[in-house]
PDB file of N, CA and C in Angstrom:
ATOM      1  N   MET A   1     155.421 -51.071  10.394  1.00  0.00           N
ATOM      2  CA  MET A   1     154.319 -50.813  10.662  1.00  0.00           C
ATOM      3  C   MET A   1     154.431 -49.212   9.772  1.00  0.00           C
ATOM      4  N   ILE A   2     154.161 -48.957   8.929  1.00  0.00           N
ATOM      5  CA  ILE A   2     153.917 -47.518   7.552  1.00  0.00           C
ATOM      6  C   ILE A   2     153.301 -46.392   8.646  1.00  0.00           C
ATOM      7  N   THR A   3     153.567 -45.193   9.119  1.00  0.00           N
ATOM      8  CA  THR A   3     153.041 -44.396   9.773  1.00  0.00           C
ATOM      9  C   THR A   3     152.050 -43.214   8.897  1.00  0.00           C
ATOM     10  N   GLY A   4     152.680 -42.978   7.124  1.00  0.00           N
ATOM     11  CA  GLY A   4     152.231 -41.892   6.418  1.00  0.00           C
ATOM     12  C   GLY A   4     153.259 -40.712   6.798  1.00  0.00           C
ATOM     13  N   LYS A   5     154.161 -40.806   7.607  1.00  0.00           N
ATOM     14  CA  LYS A   5     154.547 -39.415   8.152  1.00  0.00           C
ATOM     15  C   LYS A   5     155.924 -39.622   6.713  1.00  0.00           C
ATOM     16  N   ALA A   6     155.957 -38.484   6.591  1.00  0.00           N
ATOM     17  CA  ALA A   6     157.037 -38.361   5.206  1.00  0.00           C
ATOM     18  C   ALA A   6     158.173 -38.442   5.902  1.00  0.00           C
ATOM     19  N   GLY A   7     159.422 -38.731   5.142  1.00  0.00           N
ATOM     20  CA  GLY A   7     160.591 -38.808   5.769  1.00  0.00           C
ATOM     21  C   GLY A   7     161.676 -37.720   4.890  1.00  0.00           C
ATOM     22  N   LYS A   8     163.049 -37.743   5.115  1.00  0.00           N
ATOM     23  CA  LYS A   8     163.610 -36.623   4.689  1.00  0.00           C
ATOM     24  C   LYS A   8     165.263 -37.864   4.052  1.00  0.00           C
ATOM     25  N   LEU A   9     165.549 -36.650   2.885  1.00  0.00           N
ATOM     26  CA  LEU A   9     166.619 -37.079   2.188  1.00  0.00           C
ATOM     27  C   LEU A   9     167.543 -36.260   2.268  1.00  0.00           C
ATOM     28  N   TYR A  10     168.979 -36.778   2.766  1.00  0.00           N
ATOM     29  CA  TYR A  10     170.095 -35.618   2.886  1.00  0.00           C
ATOM     30  C   TYR A  10     171.349 -36.077   2.084  1.00  0.00           C
ATOM     31  N   ILE A  11     171.617 -35.453   1.226  1.00  0.00           N
ATOM     32  CA  ILE A  11     172.905 -35.788   0.262  1.00  0.00           C
ATOM     33  C   ILE A  11     174.317 -34.976   1.454  1.00  0.00           C
ATOM     34  N   VAL A  12     174.665 -35.956   1.456  1.00  0.00           N
ATOM     35  CA  VAL A  12     176.072 -35.377   2.392  1.00  0.00           C
ATOM     36  C   VAL A  12     177.027 -35.483   1.868  1.00  0.00           C
ATOM     37  N   ALA A  13     178.265 -34.799   1.399  1.00  0.00           N
ATOM     38  CA  ALA A  13     179.423 -34.767   1.107  1.00  0.00           C
ATOM     39  C   ALA A  13     180.800 -35.352   1.999  1.00  0.00           C
ATOM     40  N   THR A  14     181.237 -36.256   1.542  1.00  0.00           N
ATOM     41  CA  THR A  14     182.450 -36.489   2.263  1.00  0.00           C
ATOM     42  C   THR A  14     183.603 -36.683   1.852  1.00  0.00           C
ATOM     43  N   PRO A  15     184.653 -36.220   2.523  1.00  0.00           N
ATOM     44  CA  PRO A  15     185.728 -36.250   1.721  1.00  0.00           C
ATOM     45  C   PRO A  15     186.416 -37.604   1.187  1.00  0.00           C
ATOM     46  N   ILE A  16     187.383 -37.186  -0.031  1.00  0.00           N
ATOM     47  CA  ILE A  16     187.981 -38.576  -0.400  1.00  0.00           C
ATOM     48  C   ILE A  16     189.299 -38.355  -0.106  1.00  0.00           C
ATOM     49  N   GLY A  17     189.759 -37.468   0.555  1.00  0.00           N
ATOM     50  CA  GLY A  17     191.278 -37.828   0.990  1.00  0.00           C
ATOM     51  C   GLY A  17     190.947 -38.369   2.926  1.00  0.00           C
ATOM     52  N   HIS A  18     191.220 -37.127   3.587  1.00  0.00           N
ATOM     53  CA  HIS A  18     191.529 -37.125   4.974  1.00  0.00           C
ATOM     54  C   HIS A  18     190.105 -36.934   5.410  1.00  0.00           C
ATOM     55  N   ARG A  19     190.528 -38.380   6.799  1.00  0.00           N
ATOM     56  CA  ARG A  19     188.873 -38.071   7.164  1.00  0.00           C
ATOM     57  C   ARG A  19     188.334 -37.146   8.155  1.00  0.00           C
ATOM     58  N   GLU A  20     189.617 -36.163   8.509  1.00  0.00           N
ATOM     59  CA  GLU A  20     188.930 -35.055   9.288  1.00  0.00           C
ATOM     60  C   GLU A  20     188.444 -33.939   8.179  1.00  0.00           C
ATOM     61  N   ASP A  21     188.596 -33.983   7.048  1.00  0.00           N
ATOM     62  CA  ASP A  21     187.943 -32.807   5.663  1.00  0.00           C
ATOM     63  C   ASP A  21     186.867 -33.197   5.661  1.00  0.00           C
ATOM     64  N   ILE A  22     186.146 -33.304   6.811  1.00  0.00           N
ATOM     65  CA  ILE A  22     184.795 -33.047   6.704  1.00  0.00           C
ATOM     66  C   ILE A  22     184.006 -31.858   7.409  1.00  0.00           C
ATOM     67  N   THR A  23     182.534 -31.216   7.023  1.00  0.00           N
ATOM     68  CA  THR A  23     182.413 -30.067   7.508  1.00  0.00           C
ATOM     69  C   THR A  23     181.234 -30.418   8.994  1.00  0.00           C
ATOM     70  N   LEU A  24     181.525 -29.738  10.090  1.00  0.00           N
ATOM     71  CA  LEU A  24     180.787 -30.105  10.886  1.00  0.00           C
ATOM     72  C   LEU A  24     179.321 -29.979  10.551  1.00  0.00           C
ATOM     73  N   ARG A  25     178.992 -29.258   9.837  1.00  0.00           N
ATOM     74  CA  ARG A  25     177.278 -29.512   9.352  1.00  0.00           C
ATOM     75  C   ARG A  25     176.985 -31.202   9.161  1.00  0.00           C
ATOM     76  N   ALA A  26     178.307 -31.344   7.997  1.00  0.00           N
ATOM     77  CA  ALA A  26     178.121 -33.063   7.693  1.00  0.00           C
ATOM     78  C   ALA A  26     178.014 -33.748   8.710  1.00  0.00           C
ATOM     79  N   LEU A  27     178.837 -34.035   9.240  1.00  0.00           N
ATOM     80  CA  LEU A  27     178.890 -34.372  10.857  1.00  0.00           C
ATOM     81  C   LEU A  27     177.546 -34.369  11.815  1.00  0.00           C
ATOM     82  N   ARG A  28     176.677 -33.331  11.523  1.00  0.00           N
ATOM     83  CA  ARG A  28     175.637 -33.053  12.607  1.00  0.00           C
ATOM     84  C   ARG A  28     174.445 -33.926  11.698  1.00  0.00           C
ATOM     85  N   VAL A  29     174.696 -33.624  10.353  1.00  0.00           N
ATOM     86  CA  VAL A  29     173.870 -34.710   9.691  1.00  0.00           C
ATOM     87  C   VAL A  29     173.579 -36.239  10.027  1.00  0.00           C
ATOM     88  N   LEU A  30     175.202 -36.417   9.688  1.00  0.00           N
ATOM     89  CA  LEU A  30     175.415 -37.908  10.162  1.00  0.00           C
ATOM     90  C   LEU A  30     175.009 -38.383  11.452  1.00  0.00           C
ATOM     91  N   ARG A  31     175.088 -37.882  12.107  1.00  0.00           N
ATOM     92  CA  ARG A  31     175.110 -38.360  13.454  1.00  0.00           C
ATOM     93  C   ARG A  31     173.369 -37.985  13.885  1.00  0.00           C
ATOM     94  N   GLU A  32     172.402 -37.334  13.086  1.00  0.00           N
ATOM     95  CA  GLU A  32     171.107 -37.220  13.268  1.00  0.00           C
ATOM     96  C   GLU A  32     170.172 -38.205  12.679  1.00  0.00           C
ATOM     97  N   VAL A  33     170.757 -38.993  11.143  1.00  0.00           N
ATOM     98  CA  VAL A  33     169.904 -39.464  10.625  1.00  0.00           C
ATOM     99  C   VAL A  33     169.641 -41.049  10.973  1.00  0.00           C
ATOM    100  N   ASP A  34     168.748 -41.828  11.074  1.00  0.00           N
ATOM    101  CA  ASP A  34     168.467 -42.866  11.276  1.00  0.00           C
ATOM    102  C   ASP A  34     169.275 -44.537  10.279  1.00  0.00           C
ATOM    103  N   VAL A  35     169.426 -43.562   8.892  1.00  0.00           N
ATOM    104  CA  VAL A  35     169.955 -45.140   8.312  1.00  0.00           C
ATOM    105  C   VAL A  35     171.075 -44.136   7.462  1.00  0.00           C
ATOM    106  N   VAL A  36     172.191 -44.287   7.138  1.00  0.00           N
ATOM    107  CA  VAL A  36     173.313 -43.924   6.108  1.00  0.00           C
ATOM    108  C   VAL A  36     173.350 -44.931   4.714  1.00  0.00           C
ATOM    109  N   ALA A  37     173.178 -44.384   3.757  1.00  0.00           N
ATOM    110  CA  ALA A  37     173.256 -45.033   2.875  1.00  0.00           C
ATOM    111  C   ALA A  37     174.388 -44.507   1.823  1.00  0.00           C
ATOM    112  N   ALA A  38     175.703 -45.558   1.380  1.00  0.00           N
ATOM    113  CA  ALA A  38     176.707 -44.923   0.681  1.00  0.00           C
ATOM    114  C   ALA A  38     177.525 -46.155  -0.370  1.00  0.00           C
ATOM    115  N   GLU A  39     177.683 -45.665  -1.272  1.00  0.00           N
ATOM    116  CA  GLU A  39     177.943 -46.755  -2.401  1.00  0.00           C
ATOM    117  C   GLU A  39     179.523 -46.995  -1.942  1.00  0.00           C
ATOM    118  N   ASP A  40     180.024 -46.369  -1.218  1.00  0.00           N
ATOM    119  CA  ASP A  40     181.466 -48.130  -0.559  1.00  0.00           C
ATOM    120  C   ASP A  40     181.236 -47.562   0.950  1.00  0.00           C
ATOM    121  N   THR A  41     180.826 -48.993   1.325  1.00  0.00           N
ATOM    122  CA  THR A  41     180.330 -49.078   2.872  1.00  0.00           C
ATOM    123  C   THR A  41     181.607 -49.386   3.606  1.00  0.00           C
ATOM    124  N   ARG A  42     182.658 -49.402   2.917  1.00  0.00           N
ATOM    125  CA  ARG A  42     184.127 -49.819   3.430  1.00  0.00           C
ATOM    126  C   ARG A  42     184.586 -48.648   3.916  1.00  0.00           C
ATOM    127  N   HIS A  43     184.314 -47.483   3.100  1.00  0.00           N
ATOM    128  CA  HIS A  43     185.050 -45.910   2.819  1.00  0.00           C
ATOM    129  C   HIS A  43     184.245 -44.999   4.626  1.00  0.00           C
ATOM    130  N   THR A  44     182.683 -45.519   4.265  1.00  0.00           N
ATOM    131  CA  THR A  44     181.721 -44.660   4.972  1.00  0.00           C
ATOM    132  C   THR A  44     182.245 -45.186   6.368  1.00  0.00           C
ATOM    133  N   ARG A  45     181.990 -46.942   6.630  1.00  0.00           N
ATOM    134  CA  ARG A  45     182.142 -47.519   7.929  1.00  0.00           C
ATOM    135  C   ARG A  45     183.042 -46.643   8.689  1.00  0.00           C
ATOM    136  N   ALA A  46     184.505 -46.548   7.789  1.00  0.00           N
ATOM    137  CA  ALA A  46     185.939 -46.138   8.426  1.00  0.00           C
ATOM    138  C   ALA A  46     185.513 -44.727   8.734  1.00  0.00           C
ATOM    139  N   LEU A  47     184.574 -43.961   7.978  1.00  0.00           N
ATOM    140  CA  LEU A  47     184.322 -42.687   8.448  1.00  0.00           C
ATOM    141  C   LEU A  47     183.604 -42.060   9.472  1.00  0.00           C
ATOM    142  N   LEU A  48     182.725 -43.147   9.255  1.00  0.00           N
ATOM    143  CA  LEU A  48     181.669 -42.754  10.503  1.00  0.00           C
ATOM    144  C   LEU A  48     182.374 -43.302  12.131  1.00  0.00           C
ATOM    145  N   ALA A  49     183.011 -44.499  12.274  1.00  0.00           N
ATOM    146  CA  ALA A  49     183.499 -44.832  13.031  1.00  0.00           C
ATOM    147  C   ALA A  49     184.516 -44.313  14.094  1.00  0.00           C
ATOM    148  N   HIS A  50     185.532 -43.076  12.498  1.00  0.00           N
ATOM    149  CA  HIS A  50     186.342 -42.224  13.142  1.00  0.00           C
ATOM    150  C   HIS A  50     186.303 -41.226  13.703  1.00  0.00           C
ATOM    151  N   HIS A  51     184.468 -40.863  13.548  1.00  0.00           N
ATOM    152  CA  HIS A  51     183.915 -39.868  13.795  1.00  0.00           C
ATOM    153  C   HIS A  51     182.991 -40.277  15.321  1.00  0.00           C
ATOM    154  N   GLY A  52     183.481 -41.666  15.587  1.00  0.00           N
ATOM    155  CA  GLY A  52     182.405 -42.093  16.522  1.00  0.00           C
ATOM    156  C   GLY A  52     180.924 -41.730  16.287  1.00  0.00           C
ATOM    157  N   ILE A  53     180.970 -42.396  15.156  1.00  0.00           N
ATOM    158  CA  ILE A  53     178.950 -41.999  14.684  1.00  0.00           C
ATOM    159  C   ILE A  53     178.630 -43.337  14.620  1.00  0.00           C
ATOM    160  N   ARG A  54     177.262 -43.933  15.555  1.00  0.00           N
ATOM    161  CA  ARG A  54     177.069 -45.526  14.978  1.00  0.00           C
ATOM    162  C   ARG A  54     176.002 -45.750  14.271  1.00  0.00           C
ATOM    163  N   ARG A  55     175.360 -45.559  13.122  1.00  0.00           N
ATOM    164  CA  ARG A  55     173.989 -45.983  12.230  1.00  0.00           C
ATOM    165  C   ARG A  55     174.025 -46.780  11.716  1.00  0.00           C
ATOM    166  N   THR A  56     172.769 -47.524  10.999  1.00  0.00           N
ATOM    167  CA  THR A  56     172.559 -48.190   9.961  1.00  0.00           C
ATOM    168  C   THR A  56     173.352 -48.072   9.024  1.00  0.00           C
ATOM    169  N   LEU A  57     174.027 -48.670   8.666  1.00  0.00           N
ATOM    170  CA  LEU A  57     174.570 -48.215   7.123  1.00  0.00           C
ATOM    171  C   LEU A  57     174.463 -49.412   6.231  1.00  0.00           C
ATOM    172  N   VAL A  58     173.651 -48.656   5.003  1.00  0.00           N
ATOM    173  CA  VAL A  58     173.084 -49.878   3.145  1.00  0.00           C
ATOM    174  C   VAL A  58     174.121 -49.322   2.303  1.00  0.00           C
ATOM    175  N   SER A  59     174.300 -50.728   1.749  1.00  0.00           N
ATOM    176  CA  SER A  59     175.166 -50.035   0.675  1.00  0.00           C
ATOM    177  C   SER A  59     173.688 -50.169  -0.801  1.00  0.00           C
ATOM    178  N   LEU A  60     174.288 -48.438  -1.441  1.00  0.00           N
ATOM    179  CA  LEU A  60     173.674 -48.349  -2.577  1.00  0.00           C
ATOM    180  C   LEU A  60     174.351 -47.875  -3.732  1.00  0.00           C
ATOM    181  N   HIS A  61     174.103 -48.754  -4.860  1.00  0.00           N
ATOM    182  CA  HIS A  61     175.493 -48.136  -6.029  1.00  0.00           C
ATOM    183  C   HIS A  61     174.745 -49.163  -7.245  1.00  0.00           C
ATOM    184  N   GLU A  62     174.781 -48.851  -8.233  1.00  0.00           N
ATOM    185  CA  GLU A  62     174.482 -48.785  -9.718  1.00  0.00           C
ATOM    186  C   GLU A  62     174.074 -50.140 -10.027  1.00  0.00           C
ATOM    187  N   HIS A  63     174.665 -51.235  -8.726  1.00  0.00           N
ATOM    188  CA  HIS A  63     174.220 -52.761  -9.206  1.00  0.00           C
ATOM    189  C   HIS A  63     173.201 -53.517  -8.137  1.00  0.00           C
ATOM    190  N   ASN A  64     172.309 -52.498  -7.387  1.00  0.00           N
ATOM    191  CA  ASN A  64     171.607 -52.758  -6.318  1.00  0.00           C
ATOM    192  C   ASN A  64     170.610 -51.775  -6.114  1.00  0.00           C
ATOM    193  N   GLU A  65     170.360 -50.550  -6.863  1.00  0.00           N
ATOM    194  CA  GLU A  65     169.793 -49.861  -7.650  1.00  0.00           C
ATOM    195  C   GLU A  65     168.102 -50.039  -7.710  1.00  0.00           C
ATOM    196  N   VAL A  66     167.323 -50.050  -7.164  1.00  0.00           N
ATOM    197  CA  VAL A  66     165.468 -50.303  -7.730  1.00  0.00           C
ATOM    198  C   VAL A  66     165.324 -49.318  -8.257  1.00  0.00           C
TER     199      VAL A  66
END
């Protein structure tokens, strides 16, 4: 059901090295959103799990963009 309510898009930088190298603000946003879209879902799934975050995760990359 579409409610007409505007959504928000957050662009969140994630670490390319150690999973602990993420800002508190990024973690807060990832905990508050309903859906996380990521280019590499394997990396993102591991990052979210490491920080105890369970969210709907969708793949978004150049081969499936609309």
